[in-house]
Amino acid sequence: MDSLLLDVTHTPDQRGEVLRKILGENDCEVTFIKKDGSVRIMPCTLRTDAMPLREANEHHKTRLHNPEVLSVWCLDKSEWRSFRVMNVTKISIITRKEDI
């Protein structure tokens, strides 16, 4: 498992961009600090072939883009989850795209 540390000098936009790229190509474990101060290690991805298709829904509300928060597909819960990009302390690649 490859572990990557994020540059703490990056802005939320830059960190989010790096995370989206890595998660869009791989299944990863993201380590982050939750709002309550506890540490969470979440297996997640943004690979389109690993996520369910979203159906159009008349009740669906579009949220405003917030560069400080990233929504990801949580692999162990099979649900959408989110975290603050500045609270990520480590990202580890579980499975690379070419291995899937």
PDB file of N, CA and C in Angstrom:
ATOM      1  N   MET A   1       0.851  -1.174   0.000  1.00  0.00           N
ATOM      2  CA  MET A   1       0.000   0.000   0.000  1.00  0.00           C
ATOM      3  C   MET A   1       0.893   1.232   0.000  1.00  0.00           C
ATOM      4  N   ASP A   2       0.684   2.104  -0.980  1.00  0.00           N
ATOM      5  CA  ASP A   2       1.452   3.346  -1.079  1.00  0.00           C
ATOM      6  C   ASP A   2       0.786   4.417  -0.219  1.00  0.00           C
ATOM      7  N   SER A   3       1.554   5.100   0.609  1.00  0.00           N
ATOM      8  CA  SER A   3       1.032   6.184   1.432  1.00  0.00           C
ATOM      9  C   SER A   3       1.560   7.509   0.920  1.00  0.00           C
ATOM     10  N   LEU A   4       0.686   8.494   0.885  1.00  0.00           N
ATOM     11  CA  LEU A   4       1.056   9.821   0.428  1.00  0.00           C
ATOM     12  C   LEU A   4       0.703  10.828   1.506  1.00  0.00           C
ATOM     13  N   LEU A   5       1.573  11.771   1.740  1.00  0.00           N
ATOM     14  CA  LEU A   5       1.278  12.856   2.664  1.00  0.00           C
ATOM     15  C   LEU A   5       0.972  14.088   1.833  1.00  0.00           C
ATOM     16  N   LEU A   6      -0.024  14.844   2.247  1.00  0.00           N
ATOM     17  CA  LEU A   6      -0.397  16.042   1.515  1.00  0.00           C
ATOM     18  C   LEU A   6       0.367  17.237   2.030  1.00  0.00           C
ATOM     19  N   ASP A   7       0.687  18.135   1.155  1.00  0.00           N
ATOM     20  CA  ASP A   7       1.401  19.360   1.516  1.00  0.00           C
ATOM     21  C   ASP A   7       0.474  20.256   2.326  1.00  0.00           C
ATOM     22  N   VAL A   8       0.858  20.558   3.551  1.00  0.00           N
ATOM     23  CA  VAL A   8       0.015  21.362   4.429  1.00  0.00           C
ATOM     24  C   VAL A   8      -0.067  22.815   3.997  1.00  0.00           C
ATOM     25  N   THR A   9       0.794  23.234   3.070  1.00  0.00           N
ATOM     26  CA  THR A   9       0.752  24.615   2.598  1.00  0.00           C
ATOM     27  C   THR A   9      -0.264  24.807   1.475  1.00  0.00           C
ATOM     28  N   HIS A  10      -0.815  23.722   0.955  1.00  0.00           N
ATOM     29  CA  HIS A  10      -1.810  23.831  -0.111  1.00  0.00           C
ATOM     30  C   HIS A  10      -3.091  24.475   0.407  1.00  0.00           C
ATOM     31  N   THR A  11      -3.744  25.216  -0.465  1.00  0.00           N
ATOM     32  CA  THR A  11      -5.062  25.782  -0.150  1.00  0.00           C
ATOM     33  C   THR A  11      -6.088  24.654  -0.222  1.00  0.00           C
ATOM     34  N   PRO A  12      -7.304  24.867   0.316  1.00  0.00           N
ATOM     35  CA  PRO A  12      -8.347  23.839   0.184  1.00  0.00           C
ATOM     36  C   PRO A  12      -8.597  23.444  -1.271  1.00  0.00           C
ATOM     37  N   ASP A  13      -8.607  24.416  -2.190  1.00  0.00           N
ATOM     38  CA  ASP A  13      -8.803  24.103  -3.612  1.00  0.00           C
ATOM     39  C   ASP A  13      -7.708  23.184  -4.136  1.00  0.00           C
ATOM     40  N   GLN A  14      -6.453  23.479  -3.798  1.00  0.00           N
ATOM     41  CA  GLN A  14      -5.325  22.662  -4.273  1.00  0.00           C
ATOM     42  C   GLN A  14      -5.373  21.264  -3.670  1.00  0.00           C
ATOM     43  N   ARG A  15      -5.647  21.174  -2.381  1.00  0.00           N
ATOM     44  CA  ARG A  15      -5.728  19.858  -1.724  1.00  0.00           C
ATOM     45  C   ARG A  15      -6.870  19.048  -2.306  1.00  0.00           C
ATOM     46  N   GLY A  16      -8.024  19.707  -2.506  1.00  0.00           N
ATOM     47  CA  GLY A  16      -9.181  19.023  -3.078  1.00  0.00           C
ATOM     48  C   GLY A  16      -8.889  18.493  -4.466  1.00  0.00           C
ATOM     49  N   GLU A  17      -8.173  19.283  -5.265  1.00  0.00           N
ATOM     50  CA  GLU A  17      -7.806  18.874  -6.612  1.00  0.00           C
ATOM     51  C   GLU A  17      -6.897  17.645  -6.581  1.00  0.00           C
ATOM     52  N   VAL A  18      -5.911  17.647  -5.698  1.00  0.00           N
ATOM     53  CA  VAL A  18      -4.998  16.504  -5.559  1.00  0.00           C
ATOM     54  C   VAL A  18      -5.771  15.267  -5.109  1.00  0.00           C
ATOM     55  N   LEU A  19      -6.636  15.425  -4.112  1.00  0.00           N
ATOM     56  CA  LEU A  19      -7.418  14.296  -3.608  1.00  0.00           C
ATOM     57  C   LEU A  19      -8.358  13.747  -4.676  1.00  0.00           C
ATOM     58  N   ARG A  20      -9.044  14.638  -5.408  1.00  0.00           N
ATOM     59  CA  ARG A  20      -9.956  14.187  -6.461  1.00  0.00           C
ATOM     60  C   ARG A  20      -9.208  13.385  -7.535  1.00  0.00           C
ATOM     61  N   LYS A  21      -8.020  13.828  -7.894  1.00  0.00           N
ATOM     62  CA  LYS A  21      -7.235  13.120  -8.915  1.00  0.00           C
ATOM     63  C   LYS A  21      -6.851  11.725  -8.421  1.00  0.00           C
ATOM     64  N   ILE A  22      -6.317  11.641  -7.215  1.00  0.00           N
ATOM     65  CA  ILE A  22      -5.894  10.344  -6.665  1.00  0.00           C
ATOM     66  C   ILE A  22      -7.087   9.414  -6.495  1.00  0.00           C
ATOM     67  N   LEU A  23      -8.180   9.927  -5.915  1.00  0.00           N
ATOM     68  CA  LEU A  23      -9.365   9.105  -5.665  1.00  0.00           C
ATOM     69  C   LEU A  23     -10.108   8.764  -6.952  1.00  0.00           C
ATOM     70  N   GLY A  24      -9.966   9.589  -7.987  1.00  0.00           N
ATOM     71  CA  GLY A  24     -10.600   9.305  -9.264  1.00  0.00           C
ATOM     72  C   GLY A  24      -9.932   8.169 -10.019  1.00  0.00           C
ATOM     73  N   GLU A  25      -8.717   7.835  -9.622  1.00  0.00           N
ATOM     74  CA  GLU A  25      -7.950   6.789 -10.298  1.00  0.00           C
ATOM     75  C   GLU A  25      -7.731   5.544  -9.445  1.00  0.00           C
ATOM     76  N   ASN A  26      -8.000   5.635  -8.139  1.00  0.00           N
ATOM     77  CA  ASN A  26      -7.655   4.536  -7.227  1.00  0.00           C
ATOM     78  C   ASN A  26      -8.688   4.373  -6.116  1.00  0.00           C
ATOM     79  N   ASP A  27      -8.664   3.198  -5.480  1.00  0.00           N
ATOM     80  CA  ASP A  27      -9.356   2.992  -4.211  1.00  0.00           C
ATOM     81  C   ASP A  27      -8.326   3.309  -3.133  1.00  0.00           C
ATOM     82  N   CYS A  28      -8.712   4.125  -2.163  1.00  0.00           N
ATOM     83  CA  CYS A  28      -7.751   4.597  -1.161  1.00  0.00           C
ATOM     84  C   CYS A  28      -8.306   4.498   0.254  1.00  0.00           C
ATOM     85  N   GLU A  29      -7.406   4.559   1.204  1.00  0.00           N
ATOM     86  CA  GLU A  29      -7.758   4.780   2.603  1.00  0.00           C
ATOM     87  C   GLU A  29      -7.358   6.211   2.913  1.00  0.00           C
ATOM     88  N   VAL A  30      -8.342   7.017   3.302  1.00  0.00           N
ATOM     89  CA  VAL A  30      -8.084   8.407   3.643  1.00  0.00           C
ATOM     90  C   VAL A  30      -8.155   8.526   5.164  1.00  0.00           C
ATOM     91  N   THR A  31      -7.107   9.045   5.759  1.00  0.00           N
ATOM     92  CA  THR A  31      -7.069   9.279   7.197  1.00  0.00           C
ATOM     93  C   THR A  31      -7.318  10.765   7.425  1.00  0.00           C
ATOM     94  N   PHE A  32      -8.308  11.062   8.266  1.00  0.00           N
ATOM     95  CA  PHE A  32      -8.630  12.458   8.530  1.00  0.00           C
ATOM     96  C   PHE A  32      -9.137  12.625   9.950  1.00  0.00           C
ATOM     97  N   ILE A  33      -9.139  13.855  10.417  1.00  0.00           N
ATOM     98  CA  ILE A  33      -9.641  14.180  11.748  1.00  0.00           C
ATOM     99  C   ILE A  33     -11.079  14.651  11.603  1.00  0.00           C
ATOM    100  N   LYS A  34     -11.983  13.973  12.300  1.00  0.00           N
ATOM    101  CA  LYS A  34     -13.400  14.318  12.244  1.00  0.00           C
ATOM    102  C   LYS A  34     -13.677  15.586  13.053  1.00  0.00           C
ATOM    103  N   LYS A  35     -14.873  16.132  12.876  1.00  0.00           N
ATOM    104  CA  LYS A  35     -15.259  17.350  13.594  1.00  0.00           C
ATOM    105  C   LYS A  35     -15.124  17.196  15.109  1.00  0.00           C
ATOM    106  N   ASP A  36     -15.398  15.982  15.622  1.00  0.00           N
ATOM    107  CA  ASP A  36     -15.343  15.766  17.070  1.00  0.00           C
ATOM    108  C   ASP A  36     -13.912  15.543  17.576  1.00  0.00           C
ATOM    109  N   GLY A  37     -12.932  15.580  16.664  1.00  0.00           N
ATOM    110  CA  GLY A  37     -11.530  15.424  17.055  1.00  0.00           C
ATOM    111  C   GLY A  37     -11.004  14.007  16.940  1.00  0.00           C
ATOM    112  N   SER A  38     -11.881  13.036  16.692  1.00  0.00           N
ATOM    113  CA  SER A  38     -11.427  11.653  16.552  1.00  0.00           C
ATOM    114  C   SER A  38     -10.853  11.432  15.152  1.00  0.00           C
ATOM    115  N   VAL A  39     -10.044  10.388  15.029  1.00  0.00           N
ATOM    116  CA  VAL A  39      -9.407  10.060  13.752  1.00  0.00           C
ATOM    117  C   VAL A  39     -10.226   8.983  13.061  1.00  0.00           C
ATOM    118  N   ARG A  40     -10.442   9.138  11.764  1.00  0.00           N
ATOM    119  CA  ARG A  40     -11.186   8.158  10.973  1.00  0.00           C
ATOM    120  C   ARG A  40     -10.316   7.744   9.802  1.00  0.00           C
ATOM    121  N   ILE A  41     -10.276   6.450   9.556  1.00  0.00           N
ATOM    122  CA  ILE A  41      -9.623   5.907   8.366  1.00  0.00           C
ATOM    123  C   ILE A  41     -10.737   5.336   7.510  1.00  0.00           C
ATOM    124  N   MET A  42     -10.950   5.953   6.345  1.00  0.00           N
ATOM    125  CA  MET A  42     -12.078   5.587   5.508  1.00  0.00           C
ATOM    126  C   MET A  42     -11.609   5.065   4.150  1.00  0.00           C
ATOM    127  N   PRO A  43     -11.992   3.821   3.804  1.00  0.00           N
ATOM    128  CA  PRO A  43     -11.716   3.338   2.456  1.00  0.00           C
ATOM    129  C   PRO A  43     -12.719   3.991   1.505  1.00  0.00           C
ATOM    130  N   CYS A  44     -12.227   4.654   0.473  1.00  0.00           N
ATOM    131  CA  CYS A  44     -13.144   5.380  -0.404  1.00  0.00           C
ATOM    132  C   CYS A  44     -12.558   5.542  -1.794  1.00  0.00           C
ATOM    133  N   THR A  45     -13.378   6.043  -2.706  1.00  0.00           N
ATOM    134  CA  THR A  45     -12.959   6.236  -4.085  1.00  0.00           C
ATOM    135  C   THR A  45     -13.835   7.280  -4.756  1.00  0.00           C
ATOM    136  N   LEU A  46     -13.382   7.743  -5.905  1.00  0.00           N
ATOM    137  CA  LEU A  46     -14.188   8.556  -6.807  1.00  0.00           C
ATOM    138  C   LEU A  46     -14.159   7.944  -8.211  1.00  0.00           C
ATOM    139  N   ARG A  47     -13.757   6.663  -8.300  1.00  0.00           N
ATOM    140  CA  ARG A  47     -13.775   5.977  -9.595  1.00  0.00           C
ATOM    141  C   ARG A  47     -15.227   5.807 -10.034  1.00  0.00           C
ATOM    142  N   THR A  48     -15.541   6.259 -11.219  1.00  0.00           N
ATOM    143  CA  THR A  48     -16.926   6.204 -11.687  1.00  0.00           C
ATOM    144  C   THR A  48     -17.458   4.781 -11.790  1.00  0.00           C
ATOM    145  N   ASP A  49     -16.611   3.815 -12.121  1.00  0.00           N
ATOM    146  CA  ASP A  49     -17.085   2.439 -12.235  1.00  0.00           C
ATOM    147  C   ASP A  49     -17.310   1.766 -10.880  1.00  0.00           C
ATOM    148  N   ALA A  50     -16.906   2.402  -9.789  1.00  0.00           N
ATOM    149  CA  ALA A  50     -17.112   1.839  -8.451  1.00  0.00           C
ATOM    150  C   ALA A  50     -18.317   2.461  -7.745  1.00  0.00           C
ATOM    151  N   MET A  51     -18.833   3.555  -8.300  1.00  0.00           N
ATOM    152  CA  MET A  51     -19.939   4.272  -7.665  1.00  0.00           C
ATOM    153  C   MET A  51     -21.250   3.921  -8.351  1.00  0.00           C
ATOM    154  N   PRO A  52     -22.358   3.991  -7.617  1.00  0.00           N
ATOM    155  CA  PRO A  52     -23.660   3.741  -8.250  1.00  0.00           C
ATOM    156  C   PRO A  52     -24.039   4.920  -9.148  1.00  0.00           C
ATOM    157  N   LEU A  53     -24.850   4.624 -10.139  1.00  0.00           N
ATOM    158  CA  LEU A  53     -25.359   5.689 -10.990  1.00  0.00           C
ATOM    159  C   LEU A  53     -26.358   6.516 -10.200  1.00  0.00           C
ATOM    160  N   ARG A  54     -26.301   7.815 -10.364  1.00  0.00           N
ATOM    161  CA  ARG A  54     -27.270   8.686  -9.704  1.00  0.00           C
ATOM    162  C   ARG A  54     -28.472   8.847 -10.623  1.00  0.00           C
ATOM    163  N   GLU A  55     -29.648   8.631 -10.062  1.00  0.00           N
ATOM    164  CA  GLU A  55     -30.864   8.811 -10.838  1.00  0.00           C
ATOM    165  C   GLU A  55     -31.376  10.226 -10.657  1.00  0.00           C
ATOM    166  N   ALA A  56     -31.957  10.759 -11.722  1.00  0.00           N
ATOM    167  CA  ALA A  56     -32.554  12.089 -11.624  1.00  0.00           C
ATOM    168  C   ALA A  56     -33.756  11.990 -10.688  1.00  0.00           C
ATOM    169  N   ASN A  57     -33.869  12.938  -9.811  1.00  0.00           N
ATOM    170  CA  ASN A  57     -34.933  12.919  -8.813  1.00  0.00           C
ATOM    171  C   ASN A  57     -35.486  14.325  -8.685  1.00  0.00           C
ATOM    172  N   GLU A  58     -36.799  14.454  -8.725  1.00  0.00           N
ATOM    173  CA  GLU A  58     -37.392  15.791  -8.650  1.00  0.00           C
ATOM    174  C   GLU A  58     -37.150  16.442  -7.292  1.00  0.00           C
ATOM    175  N   HIS A  59     -36.824  15.643  -6.290  1.00  0.00           N
ATOM    176  CA  HIS A  59     -36.566  16.186  -4.953  1.00  0.00           C
ATOM    177  C   HIS A  59     -35.093  16.482  -4.718  1.00  0.00           C
ATOM    178  N   HIS A  60     -34.259  16.131  -5.687  1.00  0.00           N
ATOM    179  CA  HIS A  60     -32.818  16.338  -5.550  1.00  0.00           C
ATOM    180  C   HIS A  60     -32.513  17.833  -5.483  1.00  0.00           C
ATOM    181  N   LYS A  61     -31.738  18.214  -4.511  1.00  0.00           N
ATOM    182  CA  LYS A  61     -31.327  19.603  -4.372  1.00  0.00           C
ATOM    183  C   LYS A  61     -29.834  19.699  -4.637  1.00  0.00           C
ATOM    184  N   THR A  62     -29.459  20.646  -5.451  1.00  0.00           N
ATOM    185  CA  THR A  62     -28.049  20.853  -5.758  1.00  0.00           C
ATOM    186  C   THR A  62     -27.420  21.690  -4.658  1.00  0.00           C
ATOM    187  N   ARG A  63     -26.303  21.221  -4.157  1.00  0.00           N
ATOM    188  CA  ARG A  63     -25.574  21.967  -3.127  1.00  0.00           C
ATOM    189  C   ARG A  63     -24.568  22.884  -3.791  1.00  0.00           C
ATOM    190  N   LEU A  64     -24.296  23.981  -3.145  1.00  0.00           N
ATOM    191  CA  LEU A  64     -23.265  24.883  -3.639  1.00  0.00           C
ATOM    192  C   LEU A  64     -21.900  24.232  -3.477  1.00  0.00           C
ATOM    193  N   HIS A  65     -21.005  24.501  -4.407  1.00  0.00           N
ATOM    194  CA  HIS A  65     -19.649  23.953  -4.333  1.00  0.00           C
ATOM    195  C   HIS A  65     -18.928  24.528  -3.118  1.00  0.00           C
ATOM    196  N   ASN A  66     -18.371  23.664  -2.316  1.00  0.00           N
ATOM    197  CA  ASN A  66     -17.579  24.067  -1.166  1.00  0.00           C
ATOM    198  C   ASN A  66     -16.210  23.404  -1.310  1.00  0.00           C
ATOM    199  N   PRO A  67     -15.174  24.164  -1.672  1.00  0.00           N
ATOM    200  CA  PRO A  67     -13.858  23.562  -1.894  1.00  0.00           C
ATOM    201  C   PRO A  67     -13.239  22.969  -0.634  1.00  0.00           C
ATOM    202  N   GLU A  68     -13.806  23.271   0.531  1.00  0.00           N
ATOM    203  CA  GLU A  68     -13.255  22.760   1.791  1.00  0.00           C
ATOM    204  C   GLU A  68     -13.749  21.357   2.120  1.00  0.00           C
ATOM    205  N   VAL A  69     -14.789  20.892   1.416  1.00  0.00           N
ATOM    206  CA  VAL A  69     -15.387  19.590   1.699  1.00  0.00           C
ATOM    207  C   VAL A  69     -15.374  18.740   0.431  1.00  0.00           C
ATOM    208  N   LEU A  70     -15.036  17.458   0.585  1.00  0.00           N
ATOM    209  CA  LEU A  70     -15.012  16.538  -0.540  1.00  0.00           C
ATOM    210  C   LEU A  70     -15.947  15.375  -0.245  1.00  0.00           C
ATOM    211  N   SER A  71     -16.884  15.127  -1.148  1.00  0.00           N
ATOM    212  CA  SER A  71     -17.786  13.974  -1.037  1.00  0.00           C
ATOM    213  C   SER A  71     -17.180  12.821  -1.814  1.00  0.00           C
ATOM    214  N   VAL A  72     -17.168  11.644  -1.197  1.00  0.00           N
ATOM    215  CA  VAL A  72     -16.564  10.454  -1.796  1.00  0.00           C
ATOM    216  C   VAL A  72     -17.487   9.255  -1.595  1.00  0.00           C
ATOM    217  N   TRP A  73     -17.268   8.205  -2.375  1.00  0.00           N
ATOM    218  CA  TRP A  73     -17.999   6.970  -2.198  1.00  0.00           C
ATOM    219  C   TRP A  73     -17.235   6.119  -1.188  1.00  0.00           C
ATOM    220  N   CYS A  74     -17.855   5.876  -0.020  1.00  0.00           N
ATOM    221  CA  CYS A  74     -17.232   5.096   1.055  1.00  0.00           C
ATOM    222  C   CYS A  74     -17.391   3.612   0.727  1.00  0.00           C
ATOM    223  N   LEU A  75     -16.283   2.910   0.598  1.00  0.00           N
ATOM    224  CA  LEU A  75     -16.303   1.521   0.167  1.00  0.00           C
ATOM    225  C   LEU A  75     -16.819   0.551   1.227  1.00  0.00           C
ATOM    226  N   ASP A  76     -16.611   0.829   2.511  1.00  0.00           N
ATOM    227  CA  ASP A  76     -17.082  -0.110   3.527  1.00  0.00           C
ATOM    228  C   ASP A  76     -18.534   0.138   3.938  1.00  0.00           C
ATOM    229  N   LYS A  77     -19.061   1.330   3.697  1.00  0.00           N
ATOM    230  CA  LYS A  77     -20.454   1.645   4.032  1.00  0.00           C
ATOM    231  C   LYS A  77     -21.360   1.629   2.799  1.00  0.00           C
ATOM    232  N   SER A  78     -20.754   1.644   1.608  1.00  0.00           N
ATOM    233  CA  SER A  78     -21.500   1.743   0.345  1.00  0.00           C
ATOM    234  C   SER A  78     -22.477   2.917   0.380  1.00  0.00           C
ATOM    235  N   GLU A  79     -21.948   4.058   0.814  1.00  0.00           N
ATOM    236  CA  GLU A  79     -22.722   5.292   0.901  1.00  0.00           C
ATOM    237  C   GLU A  79     -21.808   6.469   0.614  1.00  0.00           C
ATOM    238  N   TRP A  80     -22.431   7.592   0.272  1.00  0.00           N
ATOM    239  CA  TRP A  80     -21.675   8.829   0.115  1.00  0.00           C
ATOM    240  C   TRP A  80     -21.306   9.360   1.482  1.00  0.00           C
ATOM    241  N   ARG A  81     -20.061   9.770   1.639  1.00  0.00           N
ATOM    242  CA  ARG A  81     -19.555  10.380   2.864  1.00  0.00           C
ATOM    243  C   ARG A  81     -18.731  11.597   2.463  1.00  0.00           C
ATOM    244  N   SER A  82     -18.442  12.444   3.412  1.00  0.00           N
ATOM    245  CA  SER A  82     -17.624  13.619   3.096  1.00  0.00           C
ATOM    246  C   SER A  82     -16.678  13.922   4.247  1.00  0.00           C
ATOM    247  N   PHE A  83     -15.649  14.689   3.930  1.00  0.00           N
ATOM    248  CA  PHE A  83     -14.679  15.128   4.931  1.00  0.00           C
ATOM    249  C   PHE A  83     -14.115  16.469   4.491  1.00  0.00           C
ATOM    250  N   ARG A  84     -13.540  17.183   5.426  1.00  0.00           N
ATOM    251  CA  ARG A  84     -12.892  18.460   5.130  1.00  0.00           C
ATOM    252  C   ARG A  84     -11.496  18.165   4.602  1.00  0.00           C
ATOM    253  N   VAL A  85     -11.166  18.728   3.446  1.00  0.00           N
ATOM    254  CA  VAL A  85      -9.886  18.413   2.813  1.00  0.00           C
ATOM    255  C   VAL A  85      -8.697  18.843   3.667  1.00  0.00           C
ATOM    256  N   MET A  86      -8.846  19.898   4.450  1.00  0.00           N
ATOM    257  CA  MET A  86      -7.735  20.361   5.296  1.00  0.00           C
ATOM    258  C   MET A  86      -7.522  19.464   6.515  1.00  0.00           C
ATOM    259  N   ASN A  87      -8.482  18.565   6.801  1.00  0.00           N
ATOM    260  CA  ASN A  87      -8.351  17.652   7.940  1.00  0.00           C
ATOM    261  C   ASN A  87      -7.739  16.313   7.553  1.00  0.00           C
ATOM    262  N   VAL A  88      -7.426  16.133   6.264  1.00  0.00           N
ATOM    263  CA  VAL A  88      -6.804  14.887   5.801  1.00  0.00           C
ATOM    264  C   VAL A  88      -5.337  14.893   6.217  1.00  0.00           C
ATOM    265  N   THR A  89      -4.935  13.812   6.886  1.00  0.00           N
ATOM    266  CA  THR A  89      -3.547  13.701   7.329  1.00  0.00           C
ATOM    267  C   THR A  89      -2.738  12.725   6.478  1.00  0.00           C
ATOM    268  N   LYS A  90      -3.439  11.769   5.826  1.00  0.00           N
ATOM    269  CA  LYS A  90      -2.726  10.774   5.017  1.00  0.00           C
ATOM    270  C   LYS A  90      -3.701  10.142   4.038  1.00  0.00           C
ATOM    271  N   ILE A  91      -3.184   9.763   2.893  1.00  0.00           N
ATOM    272  CA  ILE A  91      -3.964   8.991   1.927  1.00  0.00           C
ATOM    273  C   ILE A  91      -3.105   7.816   1.478  1.00  0.00           C
ATOM    274  N   SER A  92      -3.675   6.624   1.536  1.00  0.00           N
ATOM    275  CA  SER A  92      -2.970   5.403   1.134  1.00  0.00           C
ATOM    276  C   SER A  92      -3.740   4.733   0.003  1.00  0.00           C
ATOM    277  N   ILE A  93      -3.041   4.362  -1.040  1.00  0.00           N
ATOM    278  CA  ILE A  93      -3.672   3.683  -2.169  1.00  0.00           C
ATOM    279  C   ILE A  93      -3.844   2.206  -1.831  1.00  0.00           C
ATOM    280  N   ILE A  94      -5.094   1.746  -1.864  1.00  0.00           N
ATOM    281  CA  ILE A  94      -5.407   0.336  -1.603  1.00  0.00           C
ATOM    282  C   ILE A  94      -5.259  -0.456  -2.894  1.00  0.00           C
ATOM    283  N   THR A  95      -5.943   0.020  -3.947  1.00  0.00           N
ATOM    284  CA  THR A  95      -5.929  -0.636  -5.239  1.00  0.00           C
ATOM    285  C   THR A  95      -5.780   0.395  -6.328  1.00  0.00           C
ATOM    286  N   ARG A  96      -4.798   0.215  -7.167  1.00  0.00           N
ATOM    287  CA  ARG A  96      -4.585   1.130  -8.290  1.00  0.00           C
ATOM    288  C   ARG A  96      -5.552   0.778  -9.423  1.00  0.00           C
ATOM    289  N   LYS A  97      -5.920   1.778 -10.198  1.00  0.00           N
ATOM    290  CA  LYS A  97      -6.865   1.609 -11.301  1.00  0.00           C
ATOM    291  C   LYS A  97      -6.447   0.475 -12.231  1.00  0.00           C
ATOM    292  N   GLU A  98      -5.157   0.403 -12.534  1.00  0.00           N
ATOM    293  CA  GLU A  98      -4.694  -0.632 -13.475  1.00  0.00           C
ATOM    294  C   GLU A  98      -4.788  -2.043 -12.893  1.00  0.00           C
ATOM    295  N   ASP A  99      -4.955  -2.162 -11.556  1.00  0.00           N
ATOM    296  CA  ASP A  99      -5.088  -3.463 -10.912  1.00  0.00           C
ATOM    297  C   ASP A  99      -6.527  -3.929 -10.813  1.00  0.00           C
ATOM    298  N   ILE A 100      -7.458  -3.054 -11.186  1.00  0.00           N
ATOM    299  CA  ILE A 100      -8.889  -3.361 -11.014  1.00  0.00           C
ATOM    300  C   ILE A 100      -9.430  -4.005 -12.269  1.00  0.00           C
TER     301      ILE A 100
END
